[in-house]
């Protein structure tokens, strides 16, 4: 293959595939993708997992229908039908996306590519050169260094959703959002789940009240081993065993399958960035400035490759900013993402934005806080909810919101007006009293928490 030269080379077709737009119609563009268009989010992350989460939510409603006086019986899950509903919709999109890009004048290169010189990629047996590069190659599951793990047929978030059949039992190694969501999915559908987490609580980075309540709820559903360090993995007749060190002594966890959900690492090591002179930090993330340009002029980076957030909505916002900066190099925009919300689509659902109470305390920041239970709102009665709550934190002088944390049904939706308030500089009092909240919608619990301030 002869060398090719482009105005723009995009490495990674997840959020990077959003970059080509009508404003760039006159540019010669190449997209290089080592796997499938759509990246982690579409193929093995956000979208298939949330389709499965909704299925798990339905299963839970059936299991607990009796509390509403509805006679329903759980008769099991048809896993192949559940899986095929998800991937039957997702899998055809890769070829459609490739065809769409090629039909509109973009050259698509499928396969691994590595830098061999500044602004020169080796792809297959040829080279791709570009005046500008945007690196959006994403991340992959982190595999912890556990003795014997390499000899065990473990699963990751890349593979677990495509299992051929529903396992009878599963060890989930990890205590973060992936572990929480996958435990909910498989546990609700009938798998016996054991969670092994190093921290004292699940969702360790969340507000202390949220993580404590979440861990409590999960202990009621699953075998949760907190403060547990996996020392050794081995095959057994039953499947897989982990030998653990815990505060109460040595333990073992055994199940049919093992899911490793111990975080993610950026794919920077697969790009041979040193040959291009591109700097990375101690975690392997590509170092960028406020415009998302790297230390090499004309090369930008975004998404999981360049930051620690691992959030699709963040990567999408970065893509829009980078597109502007490609088009307007003399008037670049700088990132101003001071408020970065996130959600855990588990059961209970969790949503968070801004500072946690412990972060404010550690920083010596003055604050006021209020918490309101779902059960204090009329729709909370309808849900027969006894565990969910909204927590808000604000500055006592400016009255601006400093953080908000919700655990319970539709948390990811309920938190949105609080995100708007923080982004737009509205006070807690304005958001509490300056707008009407529909009665008896669940959003009233947000209103009540704000009024509590």
Protein backbone atom coordinates (compact mmCIF):
# COMPACT_ATOMS: atom_id res chain seq x y z
CA UNK A 1 0.00 0.00 0.00
CA UNK A 2 1.40 3.42 -0.92
CA UNK A 3 1.51 6.24 1.59
CA UNK A 4 -1.50 8.51 2.05
CA UNK A 5 -1.55 12.15 3.15
CA UNK A 6 -4.52 13.87 4.80
CA UNK A 7 -5.65 17.17 6.23
CA UNK A 8 -6.95 15.28 9.29
CA UNK A 9 -6.32 11.79 10.64
CA UNK A 10 -8.65 10.56 13.38
CA UNK A 11 -7.40 7.59 15.41
CA UNK A 12 -10.38 5.89 17.01
CA UNK A 13 -13.97 5.79 15.77
CA UNK A 14 -15.88 6.12 19.04
CA UNK A 15 -16.40 9.78 19.85
CA UNK A 16 -13.74 10.45 17.21
CA UNK A 17 -16.23 9.39 14.55
CA UNK A 18 -18.31 12.44 15.50
CA UNK A 19 -15.57 14.82 14.28
CA UNK A 20 -16.26 14.72 10.51
CA UNK A 21 -19.04 17.22 9.84
CA UNK A 22 -20.24 19.49 7.07
CA UNK A 23 -17.85 22.21 8.27
CA UNK A 24 -14.96 19.91 7.30
CA UNK A 25 -16.45 18.95 3.94
CA UNK A 26 -13.48 20.29 2.00
CA UNK A 27 -10.89 18.39 4.03
CA UNK A 28 -9.30 15.09 3.14
CA UNK A 29 -9.99 12.95 6.21
CA UNK A 30 -8.96 9.47 7.32
CA UNK A 31 -10.45 7.48 10.21
CA UNK A 32 -8.33 4.68 11.67
CA UNK A 33 -10.11 2.12 13.86
CA UNK A 34 -8.54 -1.01 15.35
CA UNK A 35 -11.83 -2.69 16.23
CA UNK A 36 -15.41 -1.52 15.54
CA UNK A 37 -16.93 1.87 14.83
CA UNK A 38 -18.81 3.21 17.83
CA UNK A 39 -16.02 2.45 20.28
CA UNK A 40 -16.53 1.14 23.79
CA UNK A 41 -19.83 2.95 24.37
CA UNK A 42 -21.74 1.40 21.51
CA UNK A 43 -20.16 -2.04 21.32
CA UNK A 44 -19.27 -3.10 24.86
CA UNK A 45 -20.10 -0.25 27.22
CA UNK A 46 -22.79 2.34 27.84
CA UNK A 47 -25.45 1.31 25.36
CA UNK A 48 -25.55 -2.50 25.55
CA UNK A 49 -25.10 -2.41 29.32
CA UNK A 50 -28.00 0.00 29.79
CA UNK A 51 -30.21 -2.08 27.51
CA UNK A 52 -29.39 -5.01 29.80
CA UNK A 53 -29.87 -2.88 32.91
CA UNK A 54 -33.41 -2.05 31.81
CA UNK A 55 -34.07 -5.77 31.33
CA UNK A 56 -32.75 -6.39 34.85
CA UNK A 57 -34.99 -3.62 36.19
CA UNK A 58 -37.99 -5.33 34.61
CA UNK A 59 -36.95 -8.61 36.20
CA UNK A 60 -36.73 -6.94 39.59
CA UNK A 61 -40.18 -5.42 39.18
CA UNK A 62 -41.59 -8.89 38.50
CA UNK A 63 -39.80 -10.34 41.51
CA UNK A 64 -41.16 -7.65 43.81
CA UNK A 65 -44.58 -7.07 42.24
CA UNK A 66 -46.27 -8.50 45.32
CA UNK A 67 -45.59 -5.36 47.35
CA UNK A 68 -47.99 -3.54 45.02
CA UNK A 69 -50.65 -6.22 45.29
CA UNK A 70 -49.85 -7.62 41.84
CA UNK A 71 -49.70 -11.40 41.51
CA UNK A 72 -46.65 -12.15 39.36
CA UNK A 73 -44.28 -15.08 39.32
CA UNK A 74 -40.63 -15.07 38.32
CA UNK A 75 -40.19 -17.90 35.83
CA UNK A 76 -36.60 -17.21 34.76
CA UNK A 77 -34.79 -15.40 31.96
CA UNK A 78 -34.21 -16.35 28.34
CA UNK A 79 -30.62 -15.11 28.20
CA UNK A 80 -30.00 -15.78 24.48
CA UNK A 81 -33.13 -13.79 23.62
CA UNK A 82 -32.08 -10.96 25.95
CA UNK A 83 -28.54 -10.87 24.55
CA UNK A 84 -29.67 -11.09 20.92
CA UNK A 85 -32.17 -8.25 21.35
CA UNK A 86 -29.26 -6.05 22.39
CA UNK A 87 -26.58 -7.05 19.93
CA UNK A 88 -28.97 -7.75 17.08
CA UNK A 89 -29.53 -4.01 17.08
CA UNK A 90 -25.96 -2.93 17.79
CA UNK A 91 -23.81 -5.23 15.64
CA UNK A 92 -25.05 -4.11 12.19
CA UNK A 93 -24.14 -0.50 12.96
CA UNK A 94 -20.40 -0.96 12.43
CA UNK A 95 -20.65 -1.83 8.74
CA UNK A 96 -23.28 0.87 8.22
CA UNK A 97 -21.00 3.46 9.81
CA UNK A 98 -18.02 2.43 7.72
CA UNK A 99 -20.11 2.52 4.54
CA UNK A 100 -21.51 5.94 5.48
CA UNK A 101 -18.07 7.45 6.03
CA UNK A 102 -16.66 6.02 2.80
CA UNK A 103 -19.70 7.15 0.82
CA UNK A 104 -19.11 10.71 2.04
CA UNK A 105 -15.44 10.84 1.05
CA UNK A 106 -13.67 9.73 4.23
CA UNK A 107 -11.01 7.05 3.93
CA UNK A 108 -11.43 4.31 6.55
CA UNK A 109 -8.55 2.11 7.69
CA UNK A 110 -9.50 -0.89 9.84
CA UNK A 111 -6.78 -2.50 11.94
CA UNK A 112 -4.01 -1.58 14.35
CA UNK A 113 -1.94 1.51 13.66
CA UNK A 114 1.19 2.83 15.38
CA UNK A 115 3.24 5.96 15.09
CA UNK A 116 6.60 5.46 13.38
CA UNK A 117 7.50 9.17 13.28
CA UNK A 118 5.89 12.51 14.13
CA UNK A 119 2.56 12.67 12.29
CA UNK A 120 3.21 9.36 10.53
CA UNK A 121 1.20 6.20 11.29
CA UNK A 122 2.06 2.69 10.17
CA UNK A 123 -1.18 0.95 9.18
CA UNK A 124 -0.89 -2.48 7.68
CA UNK A 125 1.95 -2.40 5.16
CA UNK A 126 1.64 1.31 4.43
CA UNK A 127 1.89 4.72 6.03
CA UNK A 128 -0.67 7.40 6.81
CA UNK A 129 0.51 10.99 7.10
CA UNK A 130 -1.50 13.94 8.25
CA UNK A 131 -1.22 17.67 8.82
CA UNK A 132 -3.45 17.26 11.87
CA UNK A 133 -4.23 14.29 14.11
CA UNK A 134 -6.93 13.70 16.70
CA UNK A 135 -6.25 10.75 18.99
CA UNK A 136 -9.40 9.17 20.41
CA UNK A 137 -8.33 5.55 20.83
CA UNK A 138 -10.13 5.02 24.14
CA UNK A 139 -9.37 2.57 26.91
CA UNK A 140 -9.64 -1.11 27.80
CA UNK A 141 -10.26 -3.16 30.96
CA UNK A 142 -7.44 -3.16 33.49
CA UNK A 143 -6.26 -6.63 34.45
CA UNK A 144 -4.75 -6.66 37.97
CA UNK A 145 -1.57 -8.64 38.64
CA UNK A 146 -3.05 -11.63 40.50
CA UNK A 147 -1.14 -14.87 40.74
CA UNK A 148 -2.72 -17.49 38.47
CA UNK A 149 -5.17 -15.11 36.80
CA UNK A 150 -3.58 -15.55 33.37
CA UNK A 151 -4.42 -19.26 33.51
CA UNK A 152 -8.08 -18.69 34.37
CA UNK A 153 -10.71 -18.07 31.65
CA UNK A 154 -11.90 -14.79 33.14
CA UNK A 155 -14.36 -12.32 31.62
CA UNK A 156 -14.23 -8.53 31.34
CA UNK A 157 -16.84 -5.93 30.44
CA UNK A 158 -15.72 -6.46 26.83
CA UNK A 159 -16.89 -10.09 26.83
CA UNK A 160 -19.36 -10.72 29.66
CA UNK A 161 -22.40 -9.32 27.86
CA UNK A 162 -21.95 -11.78 24.99
CA UNK A 163 -21.93 -14.95 27.08
CA UNK A 164 -23.50 -17.96 25.39
CA UNK A 165 -25.62 -18.81 28.42
CA UNK A 166 -26.54 -17.33 31.78
CA UNK A 167 -24.06 -18.58 34.40
CA UNK A 168 -25.39 -20.07 37.60
CA UNK A 169 -22.81 -18.18 39.67
CA UNK A 170 -20.35 -15.34 39.14
CA UNK A 171 -17.53 -13.68 41.06
CA UNK A 172 -17.32 -9.96 40.32
CA UNK A 173 -13.86 -8.61 41.13
CA UNK A 174 -14.18 -4.87 41.70
CA UNK A 175 -16.34 -2.36 43.53
CA UNK A 176 -16.85 0.43 41.00
CA UNK A 177 -19.59 1.29 38.55
CA UNK A 178 -18.92 -1.58 36.14
CA UNK A 179 -18.97 -4.10 38.98
CA UNK A 180 -22.16 -2.56 40.33
CA UNK A 181 -24.00 -2.56 37.00
CA UNK A 182 -22.96 -6.07 35.96
CA UNK A 183 -23.84 -7.48 39.38
CA UNK A 184 -27.31 -5.99 39.02
CA UNK A 185 -27.77 -7.32 35.50
CA UNK A 186 -26.76 -10.90 36.15
CA UNK A 187 -28.08 -11.05 39.70
CA UNK A 188 -31.53 -9.87 38.65
CA UNK A 189 -31.66 -12.47 35.89
CA UNK A 190 -30.86 -15.35 38.24
CA UNK A 191 -27.07 -15.62 38.64
CA UNK A 192 -25.73 -15.99 42.18
CA UNK A 193 -23.26 -13.10 42.53
CA UNK A 194 -20.27 -12.70 44.85
CA UNK A 195 -18.64 -9.27 44.83
CA UNK A 196 -15.00 -8.94 45.89
CA UNK A 197 -13.95 -5.32 46.55
CA UNK A 198 -10.77 -3.88 48.06
CA UNK A 199 -12.48 -0.91 49.71
CA UNK A 200 -14.65 -0.82 52.80
CA UNK A 201 -17.61 0.17 50.64
CA UNK A 202 -18.71 -0.22 47.04
CA UNK A 203 -18.59 2.92 44.87
CA UNK A 204 -15.75 4.17 47.08
CA UNK A 205 -15.37 7.54 45.31
CA UNK A 206 -18.93 8.63 46.00
CA UNK A 207 -20.30 10.62 48.91
CA UNK A 208 -19.97 8.67 52.16
CA UNK A 209 -23.71 8.51 52.75
CA UNK A 210 -24.37 7.30 49.22
CA UNK A 211 -21.72 4.59 49.21
CA UNK A 212 -22.77 3.34 52.65
CA UNK A 213 -26.42 3.06 51.59
CA UNK A 214 -25.50 1.46 48.27
CA UNK A 215 -23.30 -1.14 49.96
CA UNK A 216 -26.08 -1.88 52.43
CA UNK A 217 -28.57 -2.43 49.60
CA UNK A 218 -26.15 -4.71 47.75
CA UNK A 219 -25.46 -6.78 50.84
CA UNK A 220 -29.16 -7.59 50.88
CA UNK A 221 -28.94 -8.91 47.31
CA UNK A 222 -25.46 -10.39 46.97
CA UNK A 223 -22.54 -11.95 48.83
CA UNK A 224 -20.42 -8.82 49.23
CA UNK A 225 -16.81 -9.19 50.46
CA UNK A 226 -15.39 -5.74 51.22
CA UNK A 227 -11.83 -5.03 52.30
CA UNK A 228 -10.88 -8.13 50.35
CA UNK A 229 -7.67 -8.49 48.34
CA UNK A 230 -7.48 -11.26 45.75
CA UNK A 231 -4.16 -13.05 46.08
CA UNK A 232 -4.56 -16.05 43.81
CA UNK A 233 -6.87 -17.33 41.07
CA UNK A 234 -7.27 -20.96 40.06
CA UNK A 235 -9.47 -23.23 37.99
CA UNK A 236 -11.70 -25.63 39.90
CA UNK A 237 -14.16 -28.34 39.01
CA UNK A 238 -16.94 -25.82 39.59
CA UNK A 239 -15.24 -23.05 37.60
CA UNK A 240 -13.00 -20.45 39.23
CA UNK A 241 -11.74 -19.80 42.76
CA UNK A 242 -10.23 -16.65 44.23
CA UNK A 243 -8.17 -16.86 47.40
CA UNK A 244 -8.73 -13.70 49.42
CA UNK A 245 -7.12 -11.81 52.26
CA UNK A 246 -9.78 -9.99 54.30
CA UNK A 247 -9.89 -8.12 57.62
CA UNK A 248 -11.39 -11.26 59.19
CA UNK A 249 -8.75 -13.57 57.75
CA UNK A 250 -8.24 -15.77 54.71
CA UNK A 251 -11.31 -16.54 52.62
CA UNK A 252 -12.14 -18.09 49.27
CA UNK A 253 -14.77 -17.26 46.68
CA UNK A 254 -15.80 -19.80 44.07
CA UNK A 255 -18.15 -19.54 41.12
CA UNK A 256 -18.79 -20.77 37.60
CA UNK A 257 -17.32 -17.62 36.01
CA UNK A 258 -15.11 -14.70 37.05
CA UNK A 259 -15.73 -11.14 35.89
CA UNK A 260 -12.74 -8.83 36.28
CA UNK A 261 -14.12 -5.31 36.72
CA UNK A 262 -11.09 -3.55 38.21
CA UNK A 263 -11.12 -0.32 36.22
CA UNK A 264 -9.79 0.69 32.81
CA UNK A 265 -6.49 1.82 31.30
CA UNK A 266 -5.91 4.14 28.31
CA UNK A 267 -4.83 2.58 25.01
CA UNK A 268 -1.88 4.95 24.67
CA UNK A 269 0.63 2.10 24.91
CA UNK A 270 -0.74 0.60 21.70
CA UNK A 271 -0.01 3.71 19.62
CA UNK A 272 3.81 3.93 20.11
CA UNK A 273 3.39 7.58 21.08
CA UNK A 274 7.09 7.96 21.82
CA UNK A 275 7.84 7.82 18.10
CA UNK A 276 5.61 10.85 17.63
CA UNK A 277 7.07 12.70 20.62
CA UNK A 278 3.71 12.76 22.42
CA UNK A 279 3.82 12.98 26.21
CA UNK A 280 1.75 10.85 28.60
CA UNK A 281 1.25 11.10 32.36
CA UNK A 282 2.05 8.49 35.00
CA UNK A 283 -1.27 6.75 34.31
CA UNK A 284 -0.71 6.53 30.56
CA UNK A 285 -3.14 9.31 29.64
CA UNK A 286 -2.06 11.60 26.83
CA UNK A 287 -1.18 15.02 28.25
CA UNK A 288 -3.15 17.90 26.70
CA UNK A 289 -3.64 21.60 27.35
CA UNK A 290 -6.96 23.36 27.81
CA UNK A 291 -7.65 23.18 24.07
CA UNK A 292 -6.98 19.40 24.07
CA UNK A 293 -3.82 19.86 22.01
CA UNK A 294 -0.87 17.68 22.97
CA UNK A 295 2.72 18.88 23.36
CA UNK A 296 3.07 18.24 19.61
CA UNK A 297 1.44 21.10 17.63
CA UNK A 298 -1.30 19.84 15.35
CA UNK A 299 -2.07 16.72 17.42
CA UNK A 300 -5.06 16.69 19.77
CA UNK A 301 -6.36 13.95 22.09
CA UNK A 302 -9.70 13.39 23.80
CA UNK A 303 -11.87 10.90 25.67
CA UNK A 304 -10.58 8.04 27.81
CA UNK A 305 -7.18 8.31 26.11
CA UNK A 306 -6.66 11.79 27.52
CA UNK A 307 -8.55 12.08 30.81
CA UNK A 308 -9.62 10.14 33.88
CA UNK A 309 -13.36 10.69 33.63
CA UNK A 310 -14.24 7.70 31.39
CA UNK A 311 -17.56 9.34 30.55
CA UNK A 312 -19.11 9.33 27.09
CA UNK A 313 -20.89 12.64 27.62
CA UNK A 314 -17.52 14.19 28.50
CA UNK A 315 -15.89 12.75 25.38
CA UNK A 316 -18.73 14.06 23.23
CA UNK A 317 -18.32 17.57 24.64
CA UNK A 318 -14.57 17.36 24.06
CA UNK A 319 -15.17 16.32 20.46
CA UNK A 320 -17.27 19.42 19.81
CA UNK A 321 -14.56 21.61 21.35
CA UNK A 322 -11.78 19.98 19.33
CA UNK A 323 -13.76 20.36 16.10
CA UNK A 324 -14.06 24.09 16.77
CA UNK A 325 -10.32 24.32 17.44
CA UNK A 326 -9.48 22.45 14.23
CA UNK A 327 -11.56 24.97 12.30
CA UNK A 328 -10.43 28.06 14.22
CA UNK A 329 -6.77 27.57 15.17
CA UNK A 330 -6.30 31.32 15.74
CA UNK A 331 -9.28 31.51 18.11
CA UNK A 332 -9.29 28.24 20.04
CA UNK A 333 -11.71 27.48 22.82
CA UNK A 334 -10.48 26.15 26.12
CA UNK A 335 -12.21 23.49 28.18
CA UNK A 336 -14.45 24.85 30.91
CA UNK A 337 -15.97 21.63 32.21
CA UNK A 338 -16.06 22.65 35.86
CA UNK A 339 -19.14 20.53 36.54
CA UNK A 340 -18.87 16.88 35.47
CA UNK A 341 -21.87 14.71 36.41
CA UNK A 342 -21.91 10.93 36.42
CA UNK A 343 -24.32 8.10 37.10
CA UNK A 344 -24.23 4.44 38.05
CA UNK A 345 -27.04 2.53 36.36
CA UNK A 346 -27.43 -0.14 38.99
CA UNK A 347 -30.22 -0.91 41.43
CA UNK A 348 -30.35 1.35 43.31
CA UNK A 349 -29.31 3.91 40.71
CA UNK A 350 -26.79 6.56 41.76
CA UNK A 351 -26.08 10.02 40.31
CA UNK A 352 -23.53 12.57 41.44
CA UNK A 353 -22.26 16.02 40.54
CA UNK A 354 -19.78 18.31 42.25
CA UNK A 355 -18.09 17.83 45.60
CA UNK A 356 -18.84 15.16 48.17
CA UNK A 357 -19.27 16.13 51.81
CA UNK A 358 -15.99 14.49 52.76
CA UNK A 359 -14.15 16.46 50.05
CA UNK A 360 -15.55 19.73 51.42
CA UNK A 361 -14.54 18.74 54.94
CA UNK A 362 -11.03 17.76 53.83
CA UNK A 363 -10.66 21.11 52.06
CA UNK A 364 -11.87 23.09 55.07
CA UNK A 365 -14.73 24.50 52.99
CA UNK A 366 -17.79 25.92 54.77
CA UNK A 367 -21.05 24.38 53.56
CA UNK A 368 -24.64 23.67 54.45
CA UNK A 369 -26.34 20.40 53.53
CA UNK A 370 -29.80 18.89 53.43
CA UNK A 371 -31.05 15.40 52.73
CA UNK A 372 -34.56 14.33 51.77
CA UNK A 373 -35.85 10.76 51.52
CA UNK A 374 -37.91 9.63 48.55
CA UNK A 375 -40.43 8.40 51.09
CA UNK A 376 -41.14 12.04 52.03
CA UNK A 377 -42.53 12.71 48.54
CA UNK A 378 -45.87 11.45 47.24
CA UNK A 379 -44.31 9.52 44.36
CA UNK A 380 -41.98 7.87 46.81
CA UNK A 381 -45.13 6.45 48.42
CA UNK A 382 -46.21 5.15 45.03
CA UNK A 383 -42.86 3.40 44.68
CA UNK A 384 -43.03 1.95 48.22
CA UNK A 385 -39.49 3.27 48.53
CA UNK A 386 -37.72 3.03 51.89
CA UNK A 387 -34.01 3.45 51.03
CA UNK A 388 -33.56 6.28 48.50
CA UNK A 389 -32.62 9.91 49.15
CA UNK A 390 -31.40 13.19 47.66
CA UNK A 391 -28.49 15.08 49.24
CA UNK A 392 -27.51 18.64 48.34
CA UNK A 393 -24.59 20.79 49.49
CA UNK A 394 -24.26 24.55 49.12
CA UNK A 395 -22.06 27.48 50.07
CA UNK A 396 -23.65 29.26 53.07
CA UNK A 397 -22.72 32.73 51.79
CA UNK A 398 -23.15 32.63 48.01
CA UNK A 399 -25.89 29.96 48.24
CA UNK A 400 -24.43 28.32 45.13
CA UNK A 401 -24.67 24.54 44.97
CA UNK A 402 -21.39 22.75 45.64
CA UNK A 403 -22.58 19.19 45.08
CA UNK A 404 -25.58 16.92 44.71
CA UNK A 405 -25.89 13.18 45.22
CA UNK A 406 -28.91 10.95 44.64
CA UNK A 407 -29.49 7.27 45.25
CA UNK A 408 -32.71 5.68 44.05
CA UNK A 409 -34.96 5.21 41.02
CA UNK A 410 -34.28 7.59 38.10
CA UNK A 411 -31.41 9.29 39.95
CA UNK A 412 -29.68 10.06 36.64
CA UNK A 413 -32.72 12.02 35.49
CA UNK A 414 -33.61 13.68 38.79
CA UNK A 415 -30.15 15.21 39.14
CA UNK A 416 -30.32 17.13 35.84
CA UNK A 417 -31.88 20.38 37.18
CA UNK A 418 -29.17 20.47 39.85
CA UNK A 419 -26.53 20.08 37.14
CA UNK A 420 -28.14 22.96 35.23
CA UNK A 421 -28.10 25.13 38.34
CA UNK A 422 -24.41 24.48 38.97
CA UNK A 423 -23.46 25.07 35.33
CA UNK A 424 -25.51 28.25 35.03
CA UNK A 425 -24.61 29.73 38.40
CA UNK A 426 -28.09 29.61 39.93
CA UNK A 427 -28.42 29.57 43.71
CA UNK A 428 -30.07 26.81 45.69
CA UNK A 429 -32.81 29.27 46.63
CA UNK A 430 -33.52 30.19 43.00
CA UNK A 431 -33.79 26.55 41.98
CA UNK A 432 -35.89 25.72 45.04
CA UNK A 433 -38.43 28.56 44.85
CA UNK A 434 -38.02 30.20 41.46
CA UNK A 435 -39.52 27.36 39.43
CA UNK A 436 -42.55 25.09 39.70
CA UNK A 437 -42.16 21.38 40.34
CA UNK A 438 -44.87 19.14 38.95
CA UNK A 439 -46.96 17.47 41.64
CA UNK A 440 -46.86 14.62 42.43
CA UNK A 441 -43.81 13.84 40.27
CA UNK A 442 -40.73 12.26 41.81
CA UNK A 443 -38.86 15.52 41.16
CA UNK A 444 -40.58 16.94 44.24
CA UNK A 445 -37.99 15.16 46.37
CA UNK A 446 -35.34 17.38 44.74
CA UNK A 447 -37.44 20.45 45.49
CA UNK A 448 -37.85 19.38 49.11
CA UNK A 449 -34.12 18.82 49.55
CA UNK A 450 -33.40 22.29 48.16
CA UNK A 451 -36.01 23.85 50.42
CA UNK A 452 -34.30 22.08 53.29
CA UNK A 453 -31.25 24.26 52.69
